[in-house]
Amino acid sequence: MQGGELYEKIIRDKHFSERKCALILHQILQGLNYLHSQNIAHRDIKPENILLVNSDSNKFELKIADFGFAQSFDKRQGLSLKLGSPLYMSPEIILAKQNYGTAVDIWALGVISFILLSGTVPFKGQSKEQLHD
């Protein structure tokens, strides 16, 4: 993956046009669609786990990486383990009041889209506790 992490590109470029953002999100959604169709939740979608295939700044060929938290599950039972990267964790995971499913990946993708378009994070806080308040 010659292009490195999406995170590094965000740091360099600060924010992206709506068109570039749409290209990035479309590819991530395609990958998530496949995972979710197999009843697999990634549970750690974040820019550090999205890799760019090449370093051409006009091409966005992406791959989802780091499946350490990924889990296959039964939709009727869901998942319950509280894990992930705090900034990208959905309320279902943080509150742990109910089992959750693949929607947690879509929440994380929403956080990524906010960052891509605005160049800032949607939630303020220096610690996991502050982020979850």
C-alpha atoms as a PDB file:
ATOM      1  CA  MET A   1       0.000   0.000   0.000  1.00  0.00           C
ATOM      2  CA  GLN A   2       2.211   2.745  -1.361  1.00  0.00           C
ATOM      3  CA  GLY A   3      -0.219   5.537  -0.480  1.00  0.00           C
ATOM      4  CA  GLY A   4      -0.084   4.889   3.262  1.00  0.00           C
ATOM      5  CA  GLU A   5      -2.978   5.472   5.629  1.00  0.00           C
ATOM      6  CA  LEU A   6      -5.944   7.728   4.935  1.00  0.00           C
ATOM      7  CA  TYR A   7      -5.066   9.320   8.293  1.00  0.00           C
ATOM      8  CA  GLU A   8      -1.731  10.541   6.916  1.00  0.00           C
ATOM      9  CA  LYS A   9      -3.465  12.003   3.859  1.00  0.00           C
ATOM     10  CA  ILE A  10      -5.950  13.834   6.092  1.00  0.00           C
ATOM     11  CA  ILE A  11      -3.060  15.343   8.082  1.00  0.00           C
ATOM     12  CA  ARG A  12      -1.377  16.494   4.852  1.00  0.00           C
ATOM     13  CA  ASP A  13      -4.454  17.800   3.012  1.00  0.00           C
ATOM     14  CA  LYS A  14      -6.467  19.064   6.031  1.00  0.00           C
ATOM     15  CA  HIS A  15      -9.863  18.589   4.336  1.00  0.00           C
ATOM     16  CA  PHE A  16     -11.292  17.293   1.061  1.00  0.00           C
ATOM     17  CA  SER A  17     -13.733  18.485  -1.574  1.00  0.00           C
ATOM     18  CA  GLU A  18     -17.185  16.920  -1.546  1.00  0.00           C
ATOM     19  CA  ARG A  19     -16.265  15.005  -4.712  1.00  0.00           C
ATOM     20  CA  LYS A  20     -13.104  13.488  -3.229  1.00  0.00           C
ATOM     21  CA  CYS A  21     -14.944  12.749  -0.016  1.00  0.00           C
ATOM     22  CA  ALA A  22     -17.679  10.958  -1.978  1.00  0.00           C
ATOM     23  CA  LEU A  23     -15.083   8.850  -3.816  1.00  0.00           C
ATOM     24  CA  ILE A  24     -13.460   7.837  -0.547  1.00  0.00           C
ATOM     25  CA  LEU A  25     -16.718   7.090   1.261  1.00  0.00           C
ATOM     26  CA  HIS A  26     -18.114   5.137  -1.693  1.00  0.00           C
ATOM     27  CA  GLN A  27     -15.175   2.722  -1.632  1.00  0.00           C
ATOM     28  CA  ILE A  28     -15.303   2.270   2.123  1.00  0.00           C
ATOM     29  CA  LEU A  29     -19.056   1.641   1.894  1.00  0.00           C
ATOM     30  CA  GLN A  30     -18.484  -0.996  -0.789  1.00  0.00           C
ATOM     31  CA  GLY A  31     -16.050  -2.799   1.502  1.00  0.00           C
ATOM     32  CA  LEU A  32     -18.374  -2.512   4.481  1.00  0.00           C
ATOM     33  CA  ASN A  33     -21.312  -3.704   2.396  1.00  0.00           C
ATOM     34  CA  TYR A  34     -19.434  -6.902   1.626  1.00  0.00           C
ATOM     35  CA  LEU A  35     -18.402  -7.446   5.248  1.00  0.00           C
ATOM     36  CA  HIS A  36     -21.904  -6.741   6.517  1.00  0.00           C
ATOM     37  CA  SER A  37     -23.461  -9.081   3.931  1.00  0.00           C
ATOM     38  CA  GLN A  38     -21.325 -11.801   5.536  1.00  0.00           C
ATOM     39  CA  ASN A  39     -22.538 -10.788   9.040  1.00  0.00           C
ATOM     40  CA  ILE A  40     -19.132  -9.403   9.962  1.00  0.00           C
ATOM     41  CA  ALA A  41     -18.718  -6.159  11.891  1.00  0.00           C
ATOM     42  CA  HIS A  42     -15.275  -4.513  11.592  1.00  0.00           C
ATOM     43  CA  ARG A  43     -15.704  -2.483  14.818  1.00  0.00           C
ATOM     44  CA  ASP A  44     -12.602  -0.324  14.291  1.00  0.00           C
ATOM     45  CA  ILE A  45     -13.263   1.733  11.173  1.00  0.00           C
ATOM     46  CA  LYS A  46     -11.020   4.801  11.339  1.00  0.00           C
ATOM     47  CA  PRO A  47      -8.666   6.616   8.943  1.00  0.00           C
ATOM     48  CA  GLU A  48      -5.668   4.701  10.304  1.00  0.00           C
ATOM     49  CA  ASN A  49      -7.316   1.463   9.132  1.00  0.00           C
ATOM     50  CA  ILE A  50      -8.069   2.689   5.609  1.00  0.00           C
ATOM     51  CA  LEU A  51      -5.091   2.225   3.297  1.00  0.00           C
ATOM     52  CA  LEU A  52      -4.432   3.953  -0.031  1.00  0.00           C
ATOM     53  CA  VAL A  53      -3.182   1.574  -2.713  1.00  0.00           C
ATOM     54  CA  ASN A  54      -1.041   4.183  -4.475  1.00  0.00           C
ATOM     55  CA  SER A  55       0.382   7.607  -3.743  1.00  0.00           C
ATOM     56  CA  ASP A  56      -1.288   9.406  -6.686  1.00  0.00           C
ATOM     57  CA  SER A  57      -3.200  12.257  -5.026  1.00  0.00           C
ATOM     58  CA  ASN A  58      -5.895  12.185  -7.711  1.00  0.00           C
ATOM     59  CA  LYS A  59      -6.640   8.466  -7.382  1.00  0.00           C
ATOM     60  CA  PHE A  60      -8.376   6.999  -4.393  1.00  0.00           C
ATOM     61  CA  GLU A  61      -8.139   3.238  -4.460  1.00  0.00           C
ATOM     62  CA  LEU A  62      -8.661   2.147  -0.870  1.00  0.00           C
ATOM     63  CA  LYS A  63      -8.486  -1.006   1.197  1.00  0.00           C
ATOM     64  CA  ILE A  64      -9.916  -1.636   4.651  1.00  0.00           C
ATOM     65  CA  ALA A  65      -7.287  -3.022   7.031  1.00  0.00           C
ATOM     66  CA  ASP A  66      -6.776  -4.212  10.620  1.00  0.00           C
ATOM     67  CA  PHE A  67      -9.415  -6.819  11.274  1.00  0.00           C
ATOM     68  CA  GLY A  68      -8.269  -7.403  14.862  1.00  0.00           C
ATOM     69  CA  PHE A  69     -11.653  -6.355  16.297  1.00  0.00           C
ATOM     70  CA  ALA A  70     -13.735  -7.780  13.430  1.00  0.00           C
ATOM     71  CA  GLN A  71     -16.297 -10.353  14.466  1.00  0.00           C
ATOM     72  CA  SER A  72     -18.738 -12.610  12.707  1.00  0.00           C
ATOM     73  CA  PHE A  73     -22.025 -12.734  14.569  1.00  0.00           C
ATOM     74  CA  ASP A  74     -25.631 -13.889  14.602  1.00  0.00           C
ATOM     75  CA  LYS A  75     -27.935 -10.954  13.794  1.00  0.00           C
ATOM     76  CA  ARG A  76     -30.478 -12.120  16.371  1.00  0.00           C
ATOM     77  CA  GLN A  77     -27.931 -11.967  19.191  1.00  0.00           C
ATOM     78  CA  GLY A  78     -25.661  -9.133  18.061  1.00  0.00           C
ATOM     79  CA  LEU A  79     -22.364  -8.205  19.673  1.00  0.00           C
ATOM     80  CA  SER A  80     -21.761  -6.877  23.153  1.00  0.00           C
ATOM     81  CA  LEU A  81     -18.023  -6.401  23.726  1.00  0.00           C
ATOM     82  CA  LYS A  82     -17.087  -2.758  24.362  1.00  0.00           C
ATOM     83  CA  LEU A  83     -14.104  -2.065  22.114  1.00  0.00           C
ATOM     84  CA  GLY A  84     -12.887   0.209  19.341  1.00  0.00           C
ATOM     85  CA  SER A  85     -11.214   3.582  19.021  1.00  0.00           C
ATOM     86  CA  PRO A  86     -12.977   6.102  21.308  1.00  0.00           C
ATOM     87  CA  LEU A  87     -13.461   8.892  18.742  1.00  0.00           C
ATOM     88  CA  TYR A  88     -15.181   6.490  16.324  1.00  0.00           C
ATOM     89  CA  MET A  89     -17.209   4.408  18.801  1.00  0.00           C
ATOM     90  CA  SER A  90     -20.980   4.525  18.396  1.00  0.00           C
ATOM     91  CA  PRO A  91     -23.383   5.191  21.284  1.00  0.00           C
ATOM     92  CA  GLU A  92     -24.431   1.512  21.218  1.00  0.00           C
ATOM     93  CA  ILE A  93     -20.895   0.468  22.107  1.00  0.00           C
ATOM     94  CA  ILE A  94     -20.230   3.281  24.588  1.00  0.00           C
ATOM     95  CA  LEU A  95     -23.464   2.853  26.533  1.00  0.00           C
ATOM     96  CA  ALA A  96     -23.355  -0.966  26.355  1.00  0.00           C
ATOM     97  CA  LYS A  97     -27.071  -1.103  27.214  1.00  0.00           C
ATOM     98  CA  GLN A  98     -27.935  -3.308  24.264  1.00  0.00           C
ATOM     99  CA  ASN A  99     -26.256  -5.617  21.821  1.00  0.00           C
ATOM    100  CA  TYR A 100     -25.179  -3.997  18.580  1.00  0.00           C
ATOM    101  CA  GLY A 101     -24.546  -4.923  14.966  1.00  0.00           C
ATOM    102  CA  THR A 102     -22.989  -3.566  11.820  1.00  0.00           C
ATOM    103  CA  ALA A 103     -24.459  -0.077  12.295  1.00  0.00           C
ATOM    104  CA  VAL A 104     -21.433   0.701  14.494  1.00  0.00           C
ATOM    105  CA  ASP A 105     -19.276   0.696  11.352  1.00  0.00           C
ATOM    106  CA  ILE A 106     -21.622   3.154   9.653  1.00  0.00           C
ATOM    107  CA  TRP A 107     -21.411   5.483  12.674  1.00  0.00           C
ATOM    108  CA  ALA A 108     -17.607   5.422  12.393  1.00  0.00           C
ATOM    109  CA  LEU A 109     -17.877   6.187   8.689  1.00  0.00           C
ATOM    110  CA  GLY A 110     -20.017   9.211   9.565  1.00  0.00           C
ATOM    111  CA  VAL A 111     -17.260  10.453  11.858  1.00  0.00           C
ATOM    112  CA  ILE A 112     -14.732   9.967   9.056  1.00  0.00           C
ATOM    113  CA  SER A 113     -16.912  11.888   6.604  1.00  0.00           C
ATOM    114  CA  PHE A 114     -17.183  14.784   9.070  1.00  0.00           C
ATOM    115  CA  ILE A 115     -13.393  14.865   9.396  1.00  0.00           C
ATOM    116  CA  LEU A 116     -12.851  14.664   5.627  1.00  0.00           C
ATOM    117  CA  LEU A 117     -15.211  17.550   4.905  1.00  0.00           C
ATOM    118  CA  SER A 118     -14.415  19.857   7.806  1.00  0.00           C
ATOM    119  CA  GLY A 119     -10.819  19.054   8.704  1.00  0.00           C
ATOM    120  CA  THR A 120     -11.802  18.800  12.375  1.00  0.00           C
ATOM    121  CA  VAL A 121     -13.123  16.105  14.682  1.00  0.00           C
ATOM    122  CA  PRO A 122     -16.820  16.167  15.614  1.00  0.00           C
ATOM    123  CA  PHE A 123     -16.281  15.507  19.324  1.00  0.00           C
ATOM    124  CA  LYS A 124     -13.955  17.375  21.647  1.00  0.00           C
ATOM    125  CA  GLY A 125     -11.991  15.788  24.453  1.00  0.00           C
ATOM    126  CA  GLN A 126      -8.505  14.689  25.346  1.00  0.00           C
ATOM    127  CA  SER A 127      -9.361  11.397  27.024  1.00  0.00           C
ATOM    128  CA  LYS A 128     -11.733   8.505  26.478  1.00  0.00           C
ATOM    129  CA  GLU A 129     -13.855   9.715  29.395  1.00  0.00           C
ATOM    130  CA  GLN A 130     -14.136  13.255  28.004  1.00  0.00           C
ATOM    131  CA  LEU A 131     -15.069  11.929  24.550  1.00  0.00           C
ATOM    132  CA  HIS A 132     -17.804   9.746  26.032  1.00  0.00           C
ATOM    133  CA  ASP A 133     -19.398  12.487  28.140  1.00  0.00           C
END
